[in-house]
Amino acid sequence: MKINRRKFTVIIVTLIGGIPFSCVSFGKGRFKPIRFGIVSDVHYADRVVPDNSSRYYNESLDKMSECVDLMNKQGADFLIELGDFKDQGDPPEEAETLTFLDSIEKEYRRFNGPRYHVLGNHDHDSISKQQFLNGISNEGFAKALNYYSFNNNSFHFIVLDANYSSKGTAYDHGNFEWTDSHIPEAQLEWLKNDLSQNRIPTIVFIHQRLDSFSTDKQFCPNNADTVRKILEDAGNVAIVFQGHDHKGDLTKLNNIYYYTLKGLIEGSGPENNCYAIVEIGMDRVIRIIGFRKADSIELK
């Protein structure tokens, strides 16, 4: 089956904002390009689509299958999902929710390379944070962590978890309000330390949006401004990939780009699938190639 790629306009971003590459350290040895896959808001559940809903939960398994097949064919260096990996039934049941997680994780594991997860709010529906982590795996870690970092080729990657209330309480068994998200102080201190120890170009992944504005703050951690300031002060963060807001978006704040990937869950049929490949080649620019509904955008 031939998969249509969204109009091939390419997002071209000078790494590290406007800082010349001659001023950027890529570590020891030769620069190594990278090519990785992103997918978000899968929301898999074997349930009937609610009336007047655009979310086709039981089609997400097939959509993920298409995504994995393409990423294998394209030889992506790794694949990462940006949260809301699974969903729940109606009424919700813990045991059933765990079977949904197991089913979508098995499909995800068909990718022939390193796989990573970002935790989303719906990943805490019916189950705890630890139950979700027990049901997944992240390459290079004996046990899956909710926030972590890794290196691949000439780049550093950071995964954050904003699934806490403003009081710092972890989301658990649906006991949370999705508009109240927060990154606790301990995680912020870890982030500062991680950035200080890794001076190569860095890319950040998070489920909630960090580019908060007056019209869409509900999609952002309540301390998004603090998180952005940490990333800006580091001086080596090029772009943040995020989900949560299913309509997608692209913004730029203080030389850091924020690309919000559209939700895979939205709409019926393969034409409503959504995933993308991110390339950073020898020319040191970022290209985002969107498939199906995912946007590929050019910035000059």
Protein backbone atom coordinates (compact mmCIF):
# COMPACT_ATOMS: atom_id res chain seq x y z
CA MET A 1 0.00 0.00 0.00
CA LYS A 2 1.35 3.38 -0.96
CA ILE A 3 1.17 5.89 1.88
CA ASN A 4 0.64 9.47 0.90
CA ARG A 5 3.02 11.95 2.42
CA ARG A 6 1.70 15.38 3.29
CA LYS A 7 2.77 18.08 0.86
CA PHE A 8 6.55 18.03 1.07
CA THR A 9 7.18 21.45 2.39
CA VAL A 10 9.98 20.97 4.87
CA ILE A 11 10.49 22.65 8.19
CA ILE A 12 14.03 24.02 8.05
CA VAL A 13 15.42 25.16 11.38
CA THR A 14 18.94 26.34 12.12
CA LEU A 15 19.96 24.33 15.16
CA ILE A 16 20.34 26.25 18.40
CA GLY A 17 18.28 29.15 17.12
CA GLY A 18 20.52 31.67 15.42
CA ILE A 19 23.83 30.42 16.81
CA PRO A 20 26.24 29.45 14.00
CA PHE A 21 27.27 25.82 13.81
CA SER A 22 30.88 26.86 14.22
CA CYS A 23 29.97 27.77 17.81
CA VAL A 24 28.22 24.49 18.58
CA SER A 25 30.01 21.45 19.98
CA PHE A 26 28.98 18.09 18.54
CA GLY A 27 31.26 16.17 20.85
CA LYS A 28 34.23 14.08 19.83
CA GLY A 29 34.51 12.65 16.37
CA ARG A 30 32.64 13.23 13.14
CA PHE A 31 29.15 14.70 13.04
CA LYS A 32 26.54 11.94 12.69
CA PRO A 33 23.15 12.78 11.13
CA ILE A 34 19.97 11.35 12.62
CA ARG A 35 16.53 10.31 11.43
CA PHE A 36 13.83 9.36 13.94
CA GLY A 37 10.07 8.83 14.03
CA ILE A 38 7.43 10.53 16.17
CA VAL A 39 3.79 9.62 16.83
CA SER A 40 1.37 10.99 19.43
CA ASP A 41 -2.01 10.57 21.10
CA VAL A 42 -2.69 7.01 20.02
CA HIS A 43 -5.37 6.52 22.74
CA TYR A 44 -5.78 2.83 21.99
CA ALA A 45 -8.78 1.10 23.57
CA ASP A 46 -11.02 -1.65 22.28
CA ARG A 47 -14.23 0.32 22.78
CA VAL A 48 -17.13 1.68 20.74
CA VAL A 49 -16.72 5.23 19.51
CA PRO A 50 -18.93 7.52 21.65
CA ASP A 51 -21.72 9.44 19.91
CA ASN A 52 -20.58 12.71 18.34
CA SER A 53 -16.92 11.83 19.00
CA SER A 54 -14.03 12.17 16.57
CA ARG A 55 -11.94 9.64 18.51
CA TYR A 56 -11.82 6.19 16.94
CA TYR A 57 -10.13 4.28 19.76
CA ASN A 58 -10.37 0.82 18.23
CA GLU A 59 -8.71 1.93 14.97
CA SER A 60 -5.51 3.05 16.69
CA LEU A 61 -3.97 -0.42 16.59
CA ASP A 62 -4.14 -0.52 12.78
CA LYS A 63 -2.90 3.06 12.54
CA MET A 64 0.06 2.23 14.76
CA SER A 65 0.75 -0.83 12.60
CA GLU A 66 1.00 1.39 9.52
CA CYS A 67 3.30 3.79 11.35
CA VAL A 68 5.62 1.00 12.52
CA ASP A 69 5.73 -0.57 9.06
CA LEU A 70 6.78 2.73 7.50
CA MET A 71 9.38 3.47 10.19
CA ASN A 72 10.89 0.01 9.64
CA LYS A 73 10.94 0.55 5.88
CA GLN A 74 12.50 3.99 6.27
CA GLY A 75 15.12 2.69 8.71
CA ALA A 76 14.47 5.28 11.41
CA ASP A 77 17.20 5.45 14.08
CA PHE A 78 14.54 5.31 16.80
CA LEU A 79 10.80 5.77 17.32
CA ILE A 80 9.19 7.75 20.13
CA GLU A 81 5.53 8.16 21.08
CA LEU A 82 4.58 11.46 22.75
CA GLY A 83 2.00 10.29 25.28
CA ASP A 84 -1.63 9.17 25.62
CA PHE A 85 -0.49 5.81 24.30
CA LYS A 86 -3.58 4.01 25.59
CA ASP A 87 -7.06 4.88 26.83
CA GLN A 88 -9.76 3.08 28.83
CA GLY A 89 -13.20 1.52 28.49
CA ASP A 90 -16.55 2.88 29.54
CA PRO A 91 -17.01 2.14 32.37
CA PRO A 92 -13.27 2.03 33.13
CA GLU A 93 -11.74 -1.12 34.60
CA GLU A 94 -8.13 -1.45 35.69
CA ALA A 95 -7.62 -5.00 34.35
CA GLU A 96 -9.13 -4.14 30.98
CA THR A 97 -7.04 -0.97 30.70
CA LEU A 98 -3.88 -3.02 31.26
CA THR A 99 -4.86 -5.29 28.35
CA PHE A 100 -5.19 -2.20 26.13
CA LEU A 101 -1.69 -1.12 27.16
CA ASP A 102 -0.33 -4.61 26.48
CA SER A 103 -1.91 -4.75 23.01
CA ILE A 104 -0.61 -1.38 21.81
CA GLU A 105 2.84 -2.00 23.33
CA LYS A 106 3.11 -5.32 21.47
CA GLU A 107 2.34 -3.54 18.19
CA TYR A 108 4.83 -0.77 19.00
CA ARG A 109 7.53 -3.36 19.72
CA ARG A 110 7.44 -4.48 16.10
CA PHE A 111 9.63 -1.47 15.33
CA ASN A 112 13.10 -2.80 14.55
CA GLY A 113 15.06 -0.30 16.58
CA PRO A 114 15.15 1.65 19.85
CA ARG A 115 11.71 2.66 21.15
CA TYR A 116 10.86 5.34 23.70
CA HIS A 117 7.76 6.55 25.53
CA VAL A 118 6.54 9.89 26.88
CA LEU A 119 3.84 9.73 29.55
CA GLY A 120 0.52 11.45 28.81
CA ASN A 121 -2.44 12.18 31.05
CA HIS A 122 -4.60 9.36 29.62
CA ASP A 123 -1.79 6.92 30.36
CA HIS A 124 -2.88 7.39 34.00
CA ASP A 125 -6.56 6.59 33.38
CA SER A 126 -7.57 3.51 35.42
CA ILE A 127 -3.95 2.70 36.35
CA SER A 128 -1.04 4.25 38.23
CA LYS A 129 2.10 5.79 36.82
CA GLN A 130 4.08 2.75 37.96
CA GLN A 131 1.64 0.30 36.38
CA PHE A 132 2.06 2.08 33.07
CA LEU A 133 5.85 2.02 33.39
CA ASN A 134 5.75 -1.69 34.25
CA GLY A 135 3.91 -2.33 30.98
CA ILE A 136 6.39 -0.63 28.65
CA SER A 137 10.09 -0.56 27.90
CA ASN A 138 12.51 2.20 26.89
CA GLU A 139 15.74 1.33 25.08
CA GLY A 140 18.79 1.31 27.33
CA PHE A 141 16.92 1.21 30.65
CA ALA A 142 16.45 -1.92 32.75
CA LYS A 143 13.22 -0.39 34.06
CA ALA A 144 11.21 2.27 32.28
CA LEU A 145 11.43 5.73 33.86
CA ASN A 146 8.89 8.52 33.58
CA TYR A 147 11.56 11.15 32.80
CA TYR A 148 15.00 10.40 31.42
CA SER A 149 17.54 11.29 28.74
CA PHE A 150 19.61 9.48 26.13
CA ASN A 151 22.10 10.16 23.35
CA ASN A 152 21.91 9.06 19.75
CA ASN A 153 24.52 9.97 17.14
CA SER A 154 25.51 13.63 17.63
CA PHE A 155 22.46 14.62 19.70
CA HIS A 156 21.10 14.56 23.23
CA PHE A 157 17.42 13.82 23.89
CA ILE A 158 15.37 14.62 27.00
CA VAL A 159 11.97 13.18 27.96
CA LEU A 160 9.87 15.06 30.55
CA ASP A 161 6.80 14.08 32.59
CA ALA A 162 4.25 16.81 33.46
CA ASN A 163 1.59 14.42 34.74
CA TYR A 164 1.38 15.85 38.24
CA SER A 165 -1.07 18.23 39.88
CA SER A 166 -0.05 21.75 40.85
CA LYS A 167 0.45 20.34 44.37
CA GLY A 168 3.01 17.87 43.01
CA THR A 169 0.75 14.81 43.33
CA ALA A 170 1.27 12.19 40.63
CA TYR A 171 -1.67 11.39 38.37
CA ASP A 172 -3.14 8.06 39.46
CA HIS A 173 -6.12 5.91 38.34
CA GLY A 174 -7.88 8.84 36.71
CA ASN A 175 -7.59 10.93 39.89
CA PHE A 176 -6.48 14.13 38.19
CA GLU A 177 -7.74 17.11 36.21
CA TRP A 178 -6.11 17.21 32.76
CA THR A 179 -6.00 21.02 32.81
CA ASP A 180 -3.92 20.92 36.03
CA SER A 181 -0.47 19.64 35.03
CA HIS A 182 2.88 20.45 36.57
CA ILE A 183 6.57 19.47 36.52
CA PRO A 184 7.76 19.02 40.12
CA GLU A 185 10.82 20.74 41.53
CA ALA A 186 12.88 17.55 41.75
CA GLN A 187 12.40 16.97 38.02
CA LEU A 188 13.31 20.60 37.25
CA GLU A 189 16.55 20.22 39.20
CA TRP A 190 17.29 17.01 37.31
CA LEU A 191 16.63 18.86 34.03
CA LYS A 192 19.04 21.67 34.89
CA ASN A 193 21.74 19.19 35.84
CA ASP A 194 21.19 17.04 32.76
CA LEU A 195 21.43 20.05 30.45
CA SER A 196 24.58 21.31 32.17
CA GLN A 197 26.31 17.96 31.71
CA ASN A 198 25.32 17.49 28.07
CA ARG A 199 26.42 20.40 25.91
CA ILE A 200 25.70 18.86 22.50
CA PRO A 201 22.57 19.93 20.55
CA THR A 202 19.50 18.83 22.48
CA ILE A 203 15.91 17.92 21.58
CA VAL A 204 13.13 17.71 24.18
CA PHE A 205 10.00 15.53 24.20
CA ILE A 206 6.96 16.13 26.41
CA HIS A 207 3.24 15.35 26.18
CA GLN A 208 1.79 18.69 27.29
CA ARG A 209 2.55 21.90 25.43
CA LEU A 210 5.31 24.12 26.79
CA ASP A 211 4.55 27.09 24.50
CA SER A 212 1.80 28.55 26.71
CA PHE A 213 -0.33 31.39 25.42
CA SER A 214 -3.47 33.04 26.79
CA THR A 215 -5.76 31.00 24.50
CA ASP A 216 -4.33 27.54 25.12
CA LYS A 217 -2.88 27.47 28.64
CA GLN A 218 -5.16 24.54 29.43
CA PHE A 219 -2.83 22.34 27.38
CA CYS A 220 0.28 23.46 29.29
CA PRO A 221 1.88 22.69 32.65
CA ASN A 222 1.18 25.54 35.04
CA ASN A 223 4.93 26.10 35.32
CA ALA A 224 5.61 25.96 31.56
CA ASP A 225 7.26 29.40 31.72
CA THR A 226 9.78 28.09 34.28
CA VAL A 227 10.56 25.03 32.14
CA ARG A 228 11.07 27.17 29.02
CA LYS A 229 13.45 29.46 30.92
CA ILE A 230 15.58 26.45 31.90
CA LEU A 231 15.71 25.31 28.28
CA GLU A 232 16.53 28.82 27.05
CA ASP A 233 19.27 29.34 29.64
CA ALA A 234 20.94 26.09 28.59
CA GLY A 235 21.53 27.55 25.12
CA ASN A 236 21.73 24.21 23.33
CA VAL A 237 18.05 23.20 22.96
CA ALA A 238 16.95 23.32 19.33
CA ILE A 239 13.34 22.12 19.33
CA VAL A 240 10.62 20.65 21.57
CA PHE A 241 8.25 17.97 20.28
CA GLN A 242 4.92 17.74 22.08
CA GLY A 243 1.38 16.36 21.70
CA HIS A 244 -1.80 16.62 23.84
CA ASP A 245 -3.41 19.33 21.67
CA HIS A 246 -4.75 17.13 18.88
CA LYS A 247 -5.07 19.90 16.31
CA GLY A 248 -1.28 20.39 16.17
CA ASP A 249 0.74 23.60 15.98
CA LEU A 250 4.16 25.17 15.44
CA THR A 251 5.56 28.13 17.37
CA LYS A 252 8.91 29.72 18.12
CA LEU A 253 9.82 31.34 21.44
CA ASN A 254 13.26 32.80 22.16
CA ASN A 255 15.04 30.77 19.47
CA ILE A 256 13.43 27.43 20.42
CA TYR A 257 10.83 25.82 18.17
CA TYR A 258 7.81 23.96 19.56
CA TYR A 259 6.22 21.44 17.20
CA THR A 260 2.90 19.98 18.36
CA LEU A 261 2.11 16.75 16.51
CA LYS A 262 -1.55 16.13 15.63
CA GLY A 263 -3.33 13.28 17.40
CA LEU A 264 -3.37 9.87 15.69
CA ILE A 265 -6.72 9.09 17.38
CA GLU A 266 -8.69 11.75 15.49
CA GLY A 267 -10.80 10.53 12.58
CA SER A 268 -11.64 7.19 10.99
CA GLY A 269 -9.68 5.35 8.32
CA PRO A 270 -6.02 5.27 7.27
CA GLU A 271 -6.33 8.70 5.67
CA ASN A 272 -6.69 10.08 9.20
CA ASN A 273 -3.49 8.51 10.48
CA CYS A 274 -0.72 10.83 11.71
CA TYR A 275 3.02 10.42 12.27
CA ALA A 276 6.25 12.02 11.09
CA ILE A 277 9.95 11.52 10.48
CA VAL A 278 12.45 14.06 11.80
CA GLU A 279 15.72 14.36 9.92
CA ILE A 280 18.88 16.25 10.83
CA GLY A 281 21.32 15.80 7.97
CA MET A 282 24.87 16.77 7.16
CA ASP A 283 23.63 20.27 6.34
CA ARG A 284 22.74 20.64 10.04
CA VAL A 285 19.10 21.60 9.51
CA ILE A 286 15.98 19.93 10.88
CA ARG A 287 13.46 18.55 8.43
CA ILE A 288 10.08 17.27 9.62
CA ILE A 289 8.37 15.06 7.07
CA GLY A 290 4.70 14.53 7.90
CA PHE A 291 2.68 11.51 6.79
CA ARG A 292 -1.11 11.37 6.40
CA LYS A 293 -2.42 14.27 8.54
CA ALA A 294 0.94 15.29 10.04
CA ASP A 295 2.18 18.70 8.93
CA SER A 296 5.47 19.33 7.18
CA ILE A 297 6.23 23.04 7.29
CA GLU A 298 9.00 25.18 5.85
CA LEU A 299 10.56 28.03 7.80
CA LYS A 300 13.00 30.33 6.05
